[in-house]
PDB file of N, CA and C in Angstrom:
ATOM      1  N   MET A   1     104.208  76.345  78.192  1.00  0.00           N
ATOM      2  CA  MET A   1     103.671  76.296  79.533  1.00  0.00           C
ATOM      3  C   MET A   1     102.849  77.546  79.807  1.00  0.00           C
ATOM      4  N   ALA A   2     101.575  77.430  79.873  1.00  0.00           N
ATOM      5  CA  ALA A   2     100.735  78.583  80.149  1.00  0.00           C
ATOM      6  C   ALA A   2     100.284  78.551  81.601  1.00  0.00           C
ATOM      7  N   PHE A   3     101.006  79.252  82.449  1.00  0.00           N
ATOM      8  CA  PHE A   3     100.657  79.310  83.858  1.00  0.00           C
ATOM      9  C   PHE A   3      99.991  80.630  84.227  1.00  0.00           C
ATOM     10  N   PHE A   4     100.019  81.595  83.341  1.00  0.00           N
ATOM     11  CA  PHE A   4      99.619  82.939  83.712  1.00  0.00           C
ATOM     12  C   PHE A   4      98.546  83.468  82.773  1.00  0.00           C
ATOM     13  N   LEU A   5      97.667  84.269  83.331  1.00  0.00           N
ATOM     14  CA  LEU A   5      96.665  84.981  82.548  1.00  0.00           C
ATOM     15  C   LEU A   5      96.642  86.414  83.023  1.00  0.00           C
ATOM     16  N   LYS A   6      96.502  87.344  82.108  1.00  0.00           N
ATOM     17  CA  LYS A   6      96.461  88.750  82.489  1.00  0.00           C
ATOM     18  C   LYS A   6      95.055  89.280  82.255  1.00  0.00           C
ATOM     19  N   GLY A   7      94.431  89.829  83.298  1.00  0.00           N
ATOM     20  CA  GLY A   7      93.132  90.478  83.157  1.00  0.00           C
ATOM     21  C   GLY A   7      93.352  91.925  82.760  1.00  0.00           C
ATOM     22  N   LEU A   8      92.965  92.292  81.551  1.00  0.00           N
ATOM     23  CA  LEU A   8      93.274  93.630  81.052  1.00  0.00           C
ATOM     24  C   LEU A   8      92.489  94.728  81.756  1.00  0.00           C
ATOM     25  N   SER A   9      91.243  94.458  82.134  1.00  0.00           N
ATOM     26  CA  SER A   9      90.426  95.520  82.700  1.00  0.00           C
ATOM     27  C   SER A   9      90.846  95.892  84.116  1.00  0.00           C
ATOM     28  N   ASP A  10      91.242  94.930  84.924  1.00  0.00           N
ATOM     29  CA  ASP A  10      91.541  95.228  86.316  1.00  0.00           C
ATOM     30  C   ASP A  10      93.031  95.168  86.630  1.00  0.00           C
ATOM     31  N   MET A  11      93.875  94.931  85.660  1.00  0.00           N
ATOM     32  CA  MET A  11      95.319  94.891  85.814  1.00  0.00           C
ATOM     33  C   MET A  11      95.763  93.844  86.823  1.00  0.00           C
ATOM     34  N   ASN A  12      95.045  92.734  86.867  1.00  0.00           N
ATOM     35  CA  ASN A  12      95.444  91.605  87.694  1.00  0.00           C
ATOM     36  C   ASN A  12      96.278  90.656  86.859  1.00  0.00           C
ATOM     37  N   VAL A  13      97.260  90.058  87.473  1.00  0.00           N
ATOM     38  CA  VAL A  13      98.049  89.026  86.820  1.00  0.00           C
ATOM     39  C   VAL A  13      97.734  87.738  87.568  1.00  0.00           C
ATOM     40  N   LYS A  14      96.976  86.861  86.916  1.00  0.00           N
ATOM     41  CA  LYS A  14      96.543  85.628  87.567  1.00  0.00           C
ATOM     42  C   LYS A  14      97.582  84.549  87.327  1.00  0.00           C
ATOM     43  N   ILE A  15      97.977  83.885  88.418  1.00  0.00           N
ATOM     44  CA  ILE A  15      98.973  82.813  88.309  1.00  0.00           C
ATOM     45  C   ILE A  15      98.357  81.496  88.773  1.00  0.00           C
ATOM     46  N   HIS A  16      98.907  80.423  88.275  1.00  0.00           N
ATOM     47  CA  HIS A  16      98.450  79.082  88.652  1.00  0.00           C
ATOM     48  C   HIS A  16      99.579  78.314  89.324  1.00  0.00           C
ATOM     49  N   THR A  17     100.564  79.043  89.805  1.00  0.00           N
ATOM     50  CA  THR A  17     101.694  78.486  90.541  1.00  0.00           C
ATOM     51  C   THR A  17     101.759  79.218  91.871  1.00  0.00           C
ATOM     52  N   ASP A  18     102.658  78.835  92.746  1.00  0.00           N
ATOM     53  CA  ASP A  18     102.766  79.500  94.044  1.00  0.00           C
ATOM     54  C   ASP A  18     103.290  80.927  93.930  1.00  0.00           C
ATOM     55  N   TYR A  19     104.146  81.178  92.946  1.00  0.00           N
ATOM     56  CA  TYR A  19     104.726  82.507  92.769  1.00  0.00           C
ATOM     57  C   TYR A  19     105.222  82.657  91.330  1.00  0.00           C
ATOM     58  N   ILE A  20     105.516  83.897  90.943  1.00  0.00           N
ATOM     59  CA  ILE A  20     106.219  84.173  89.691  1.00  0.00           C
ATOM     60  C   ILE A  20     107.349  85.134  90.031  1.00  0.00           C
ATOM     61  N   GLU A  21     108.302  85.234  89.160  1.00  0.00           N
ATOM     62  CA  GLU A  21     109.389  86.192  89.352  1.00  0.00           C
ATOM     63  C   GLU A  21     109.032  87.501  88.660  1.00  0.00           C
ATOM     64  N   LEU A  22     109.621  88.577  89.156  1.00  0.00           N
ATOM     65  CA  LEU A  22     109.356  89.899  88.604  1.00  0.00           C
ATOM     66  C   LEU A  22     109.596  89.935  87.102  1.00  0.00           C
ATOM     67  N   GLN A  23     110.652  89.284  86.633  1.00  0.00           N
ATOM     68  CA  GLN A  23     110.931  89.307  85.194  1.00  0.00           C
ATOM     69  C   GLN A  23     109.800  88.661  84.391  1.00  0.00           C
ATOM     70  N   GLN A  24     109.129  87.663  84.955  1.00  0.00           N
ATOM     71  CA  GLN A  24     107.997  87.041  84.270  1.00  0.00           C
ATOM     72  C   GLN A  24     106.820  88.006  84.210  1.00  0.00           C
ATOM     73  N   LEU A  25     106.591  88.742  85.299  1.00  0.00           N
ATOM     74  CA  LEU A  25     105.506  89.718  85.301  1.00  0.00           C
ATOM     75  C   LEU A  25     105.775  90.817  84.280  1.00  0.00           C
ATOM     76  N   LEU A  26     107.018  91.268  84.193  1.00  0.00           N
ATOM     77  CA  LEU A  26     107.371  92.293  83.204  1.00  0.00           C
ATOM     78  C   LEU A  26     107.078  91.813  81.790  1.00  0.00           C
ATOM     79  N   LYS A  27     107.341  90.567  81.524  1.00  0.00           N
ATOM     80  CA  LYS A  27     107.107  89.997  80.203  1.00  0.00           C
ATOM     81  C   LYS A  27     105.606  89.838  79.936  1.00  0.00           C
ATOM     82  N   LEU A  28     104.879  89.350  80.926  1.00  0.00           N
ATOM     83  CA  LEU A  28     103.437  89.142  80.761  1.00  0.00           C
ATOM     84  C   LEU A  28     102.662  90.437  80.581  1.00  0.00           C
ATOM     85  N   THR A  29     103.152  91.506  81.167  1.00  0.00           N
ATOM     86  CA  THR A  29     102.468  92.796  81.075  1.00  0.00           C
ATOM     87  C   THR A  29     103.032  93.667  79.958  1.00  0.00           C
ATOM     88  N   ASP A  30     103.830  93.068  79.100  1.00  0.00           N
ATOM     89  CA  ASP A  30     104.363  93.711  77.889  1.00  0.00           C
ATOM     90  C   ASP A  30     105.325  94.875  78.148  1.00  0.00           C
ATOM     91  N   TRP A  31     105.969  94.910  79.317  1.00  0.00           N
ATOM     92  CA  TRP A  31     107.010  95.903  79.554  1.00  0.00           C
ATOM     93  C   TRP A  31     108.306  95.484  78.869  1.00  0.00           C
ATOM     94  N   ILE A  32     108.512  94.194  78.723  1.00  0.00           N
ATOM     95  CA  ILE A  32     109.670  93.672  77.993  1.00  0.00           C
ATOM     96  C   ILE A  32     109.181  92.572  77.070  1.00  0.00           C
ATOM     97  N   SER A  33     109.969  92.265  76.044  1.00  0.00           N
ATOM     98  CA  SER A  33     109.554  91.209  75.122  1.00  0.00           C
ATOM     99  C   SER A  33     110.352  89.925  75.310  1.00  0.00           C
ATOM    100  N   THR A  34     111.526  90.036  75.918  1.00  0.00           N
ATOM    101  CA  THR A  34     112.328  88.839  76.174  1.00  0.00           C
ATOM    102  C   THR A  34     112.852  88.872  77.599  1.00  0.00           C
ATOM    103  N   GLY A  35     113.163  87.709  78.126  1.00  0.00           N
ATOM    104  CA  GLY A  35     113.700  87.631  79.478  1.00  0.00           C
ATOM    105  C   GLY A  35     115.021  88.356  79.626  1.00  0.00           C
ATOM    106  N   GLY A  36     115.802  88.414  78.555  1.00  0.00           N
ATOM    107  CA  GLY A  36     117.093  89.085  78.590  1.00  0.00           C
ATOM    108  C   GLY A  36     116.993  90.584  78.826  1.00  0.00           C
ATOM    109  N   GLU A  37     115.852  91.176  78.489  1.00  0.00           N
ATOM    110  CA  GLU A  37     115.660  92.611  78.690  1.00  0.00           C
ATOM    111  C   GLU A  37     115.377  92.955  80.150  1.00  0.00           C
ATOM    112  N   ALA A  38     115.079  91.959  80.964  1.00  0.00           N
ATOM    113  CA  ALA A  38     114.689  92.197  82.356  1.00  0.00           C
ATOM    114  C   ALA A  38     115.792  92.875  83.156  1.00  0.00           C
ATOM    115  N   LYS A  39     117.028  92.485  82.926  1.00  0.00           N
ATOM    116  CA  LYS A  39     118.154  93.048  83.671  1.00  0.00           C
ATOM    117  C   LYS A  39     118.233  94.562  83.495  1.00  0.00           C
ATOM    118  N   ILE A  40     118.025  95.014  82.287  1.00  0.00           N
ATOM    119  CA  ILE A  40     118.055  96.452  81.995  1.00  0.00           C
ATOM    120  C   ILE A  40     116.791  97.128  82.512  1.00  0.00           C
ATOM    121  N   ALA A  41     115.657  96.471  82.331  1.00  0.00           N
ATOM    122  CA  ALA A  41     114.376  97.059  82.711  1.00  0.00           C
ATOM    123  C   ALA A  41     114.295  97.348  84.201  1.00  0.00           C
ATOM    124  N   VAL A  42     114.769  96.436  85.045  1.00  0.00           N
ATOM    125  CA  VAL A  42     114.661  96.673  86.492  1.00  0.00           C
ATOM    126  C   VAL A  42     115.537  97.839  86.946  1.00  0.00           C
ATOM    127  N   LYS A  43     116.546  98.178  86.167  1.00  0.00           N
ATOM    128  CA  LYS A  43     117.395  99.319  86.500  1.00  0.00           C
ATOM    129  C   LYS A  43     116.798 100.631  85.983  1.00  0.00           C
ATOM    130  N   LYS A  44     116.145 100.582  84.821  1.00  0.00           N
ATOM    131  CA  LYS A  44     115.651 101.807  84.198  1.00  0.00           C
ATOM    132  C   LYS A  44     114.224 102.175  84.599  1.00  0.00           C
ATOM    133  N   LEU A  45     113.383 101.188  84.865  1.00  0.00           N
ATOM    134  CA  LEU A  45     111.990 101.466  85.204  1.00  0.00           C
ATOM    135  C   LEU A  45     111.834 101.696  86.701  1.00  0.00           C
ATOM    136  N   ASN A  46     110.869 102.509  87.060  1.00  0.00           N
ATOM    137  CA  ASN A  46     110.524 102.706  88.470  1.00  0.00           C
ATOM    138  C   ASN A  46     109.584 101.583  88.863  1.00  0.00           C
ATOM    139  N   ILE A  47     110.104 100.593  89.586  1.00  0.00           N
ATOM    140  CA  ILE A  47     109.326  99.419  89.974  1.00  0.00           C
ATOM    141  C   ILE A  47     109.264  99.348  91.496  1.00  0.00           C
ATOM    142  N   TYR A  48     108.044  99.214  92.008  1.00  0.00           N
ATOM    143  CA  TYR A  48     107.814  99.070  93.444  1.00  0.00           C
ATOM    144  C   TYR A  48     106.989  97.820  93.690  1.00  0.00           C
ATOM    145  N   VAL A  49     107.399  97.018  94.663  1.00  0.00           N
ATOM    146  CA  VAL A  49     106.650  95.837  95.075  1.00  0.00           C
ATOM    147  C   VAL A  49     106.189  96.085  96.502  1.00  0.00           C
ATOM    148  N   ASN A  50     104.878  96.138  96.689  1.00  0.00           N
ATOM    149  CA  ASN A  50     104.290  96.414  98.006  1.00  0.00           C
ATOM    150  C   ASN A  50     104.866  97.687  98.626  1.00  0.00           C
ATOM    151  N   GLY A  51     105.072  98.708  97.768  1.00  0.00           N
ATOM    152  CA  GLY A  51     105.527 100.008  98.234  1.00  0.00           C
ATOM    153  C   GLY A  51     107.023 100.166  98.406  1.00  0.00           C
ATOM    154  N   ILE A  52     107.797  99.117  98.111  1.00  0.00           N
ATOM    155  CA  ILE A  52     109.251  99.167  98.278  1.00  0.00           C
ATOM    156  C   ILE A  52     109.924  99.088  96.909  1.00  0.00           C
ATOM    157  N   LYS A  53     110.841 100.014  96.645  1.00  0.00           N
ATOM    158  CA  LYS A  53     111.580 100.033  95.372  1.00  0.00           C
ATOM    159  C   LYS A  53     112.271  98.693  95.158  1.00  0.00           C
ATOM    160  N   GLU A  54     112.108  98.139  93.966  1.00  0.00           N
ATOM    161  CA  GLU A  54     112.661  96.815  93.678  1.00  0.00           C
ATOM    162  C   GLU A  54     113.568  96.875  92.463  1.00  0.00           C
ATOM    163  N   GLY A  55     114.739  96.251  92.567  1.00  0.00           N
ATOM    164  CA  GLY A  55     115.690  96.224  91.468  1.00  0.00           C
ATOM    165  C   GLY A  55     116.187  94.830  91.139  1.00  0.00           C
ATOM    166  N   ARG A  56     115.520  93.819  91.692  1.00  0.00           N
ATOM    167  CA  ARG A  56     115.930  92.430  91.433  1.00  0.00           C
ATOM    168  C   ARG A  56     114.951  91.782  90.467  1.00  0.00           C
ATOM    169  N   ARG A  57     115.432  91.365  89.337  1.00  0.00           N
ATOM    170  CA  ARG A  57     114.539  90.745  88.353  1.00  0.00           C
ATOM    171  C   ARG A  57     114.010  89.400  88.819  1.00  0.00           C
ATOM    172  N   GLY A  58     114.711  88.732  89.727  1.00  0.00           N
ATOM    173  CA  GLY A  58     114.287  87.437  90.232  1.00  0.00           C
ATOM    174  C   GLY A  58     113.417  87.507  91.473  1.00  0.00           C
ATOM    175  N   LYS A  59     112.992  88.702  91.868  1.00  0.00           N
ATOM    176  CA  LYS A  59     112.145  88.869  93.050  1.00  0.00           C
ATOM    177  C   LYS A  59     110.898  88.003  92.901  1.00  0.00           C
ATOM    178  N   LYS A  60     110.624  87.174  93.907  1.00  0.00           N
ATOM    179  CA  LYS A  60     109.450  86.303  93.870  1.00  0.00           C
ATOM    180  C   LYS A  60     108.216  87.111  94.251  1.00  0.00           C
ATOM    181  N   LEU A  61     107.178  86.973  93.429  1.00  0.00           N
ATOM    182  CA  LEU A  61     105.910  87.657  93.663  1.00  0.00           C
ATOM    183  C   LEU A  61     104.846  86.611  93.974  1.00  0.00           C
ATOM    184  N   PHE A  62     104.108  86.842  95.035  1.00  0.00           N
ATOM    185  CA  PHE A  62     103.093  85.905  95.505  1.00  0.00           C
ATOM    186  C   PHE A  62     101.711  86.527  95.371  1.00  0.00           C
ATOM    187  N   PRO A  63     100.654  85.702  95.366  1.00  0.00           N
ATOM    188  CA  PRO A  63      99.304  86.265  95.326  1.00  0.00           C
ATOM    189  C   PRO A  63      99.117  87.299  96.438  1.00  0.00           C
ATOM    190  N   GLY A  64      98.522  88.426  96.064  1.00  0.00           N
ATOM    191  CA  GLY A  64      98.322  89.528  96.997  1.00  0.00           C
ATOM    192  C   GLY A  64      99.360  90.622  96.871  1.00  0.00           C
ATOM    193  N   ASP A  65     100.502  90.313  96.242  1.00  0.00           N
ATOM    194  CA  ASP A  65     101.528  91.337  96.044  1.00  0.00           C
ATOM    195  C   ASP A  65     101.041  92.377  95.047  1.00  0.00           C
ATOM    196  N   LYS A  66     101.350  93.625  95.344  1.00  0.00           N
ATOM    197  CA  LYS A  66     101.019  94.725  94.445  1.00  0.00           C
ATOM    198  C   LYS A  66     102.311  95.259  93.848  1.00  0.00           C
ATOM    199  N   VAL A  67     102.323  95.389  92.542  1.00  0.00           N
ATOM    200  CA  VAL A  67     103.503  95.847  91.819  1.00  0.00           C
ATOM    201  C   VAL A  67     103.127  97.099  91.045  1.00  0.00           C
ATOM    202  N   VAL A  68     103.923  98.149  91.202  1.00  0.00           N
ATOM    203  CA  VAL A  68     103.712  99.381  90.449  1.00  0.00           C
ATOM    204  C   VAL A  68     104.911  99.567  89.543  1.00  0.00           C
ATOM    205  N   ILE A  69     104.634  99.683  88.242  1.00  0.00           N
ATOM    206  CA  ILE A  69     105.677  99.883  87.236  1.00  0.00           C
ATOM    207  C   ILE A  69     105.370 101.179  86.502  1.00  0.00           C
ATOM    208  N   GLN A  70     106.253 102.153  86.659  1.00  0.00           N
ATOM    209  CA  GLN A  70     106.079 103.452  86.004  1.00  0.00           C
ATOM    210  C   GLN A  70     104.677 104.024  86.257  1.00  0.00           C
ATOM    211  N   GLY A  71     104.161 103.827  87.460  1.00  0.00           N
ATOM    212  CA  GLY A  71     102.857 104.375  87.828  1.00  0.00           C
ATOM    213  C   GLY A  71     101.664 103.479  87.542  1.00  0.00           C
ATOM    214  N   LYS A  72     101.862 102.376  86.840  1.00  0.00           N
ATOM    215  CA  LYS A  72     100.767 101.446  86.551  1.00  0.00           C
ATOM    216  C   LYS A  72     100.779 100.327  87.577  1.00  0.00           C
ATOM    217  N   GLU A  73      99.619 100.073  88.180  1.00  0.00           N
ATOM    218  CA  GLU A  73      99.552  99.096  89.264  1.00  0.00           C
ATOM    219  C   GLU A  73      99.010  97.757  88.779  1.00  0.00           C
ATOM    220  N   TYR A  74      99.656  96.702  89.254  1.00  0.00           N
ATOM    221  CA  TYR A  74      99.263  95.332  88.958  1.00  0.00           C
ATOM    222  C   TYR A  74      99.162  94.578  90.281  1.00  0.00           C
ATOM    223  N   GLU A  75      98.234  93.627  90.345  1.00  0.00           N
ATOM    224  CA  GLU A  75      98.128  92.787  91.529  1.00  0.00           C
ATOM    225  C   GLU A  75      98.229  91.334  91.100  1.00  0.00           C
ATOM    226  N   VAL A  76      99.060  90.582  91.812  1.00  0.00           N
ATOM    227  CA  VAL A  76      99.216  89.152  91.548  1.00  0.00           C
ATOM    228  C   VAL A  76      98.066  88.442  92.252  1.00  0.00           C
ATOM    229  N   THR A  77      97.318  87.633  91.499  1.00  0.00           N
ATOM    230  CA  THR A  77      96.200  86.881  92.064  1.00  0.00           C
ATOM    231  C   THR A  77      96.346  85.413  91.699  1.00  0.00           C
ATOM    232  N   LYS A  78      95.626  84.577  92.438  1.00  0.00           N
ATOM    233  CA  LYS A  78      95.675  83.130  92.174  1.00  0.00           C
ATOM    234  C   LYS A  78      94.332  82.661  91.682  1.00  0.00           C
TER     235      LYS A  78
END
């Protein structure tokens, strides 16, 4: 199922669904390689969604949401 595309130059994560979960974004942006690593990653990495510290791997991300992981910014787009 290919619902997502990552634009490397502008750090946009393009989705073709209404939302994705944070763990999916972590996988698509190569912060983790498997979904099972998400539980550990959200505890160890500095992750902010729209400026608020986030620790839930199942957090729903919608178009327009900005996610910062260890200082790198990504924007969810449709």
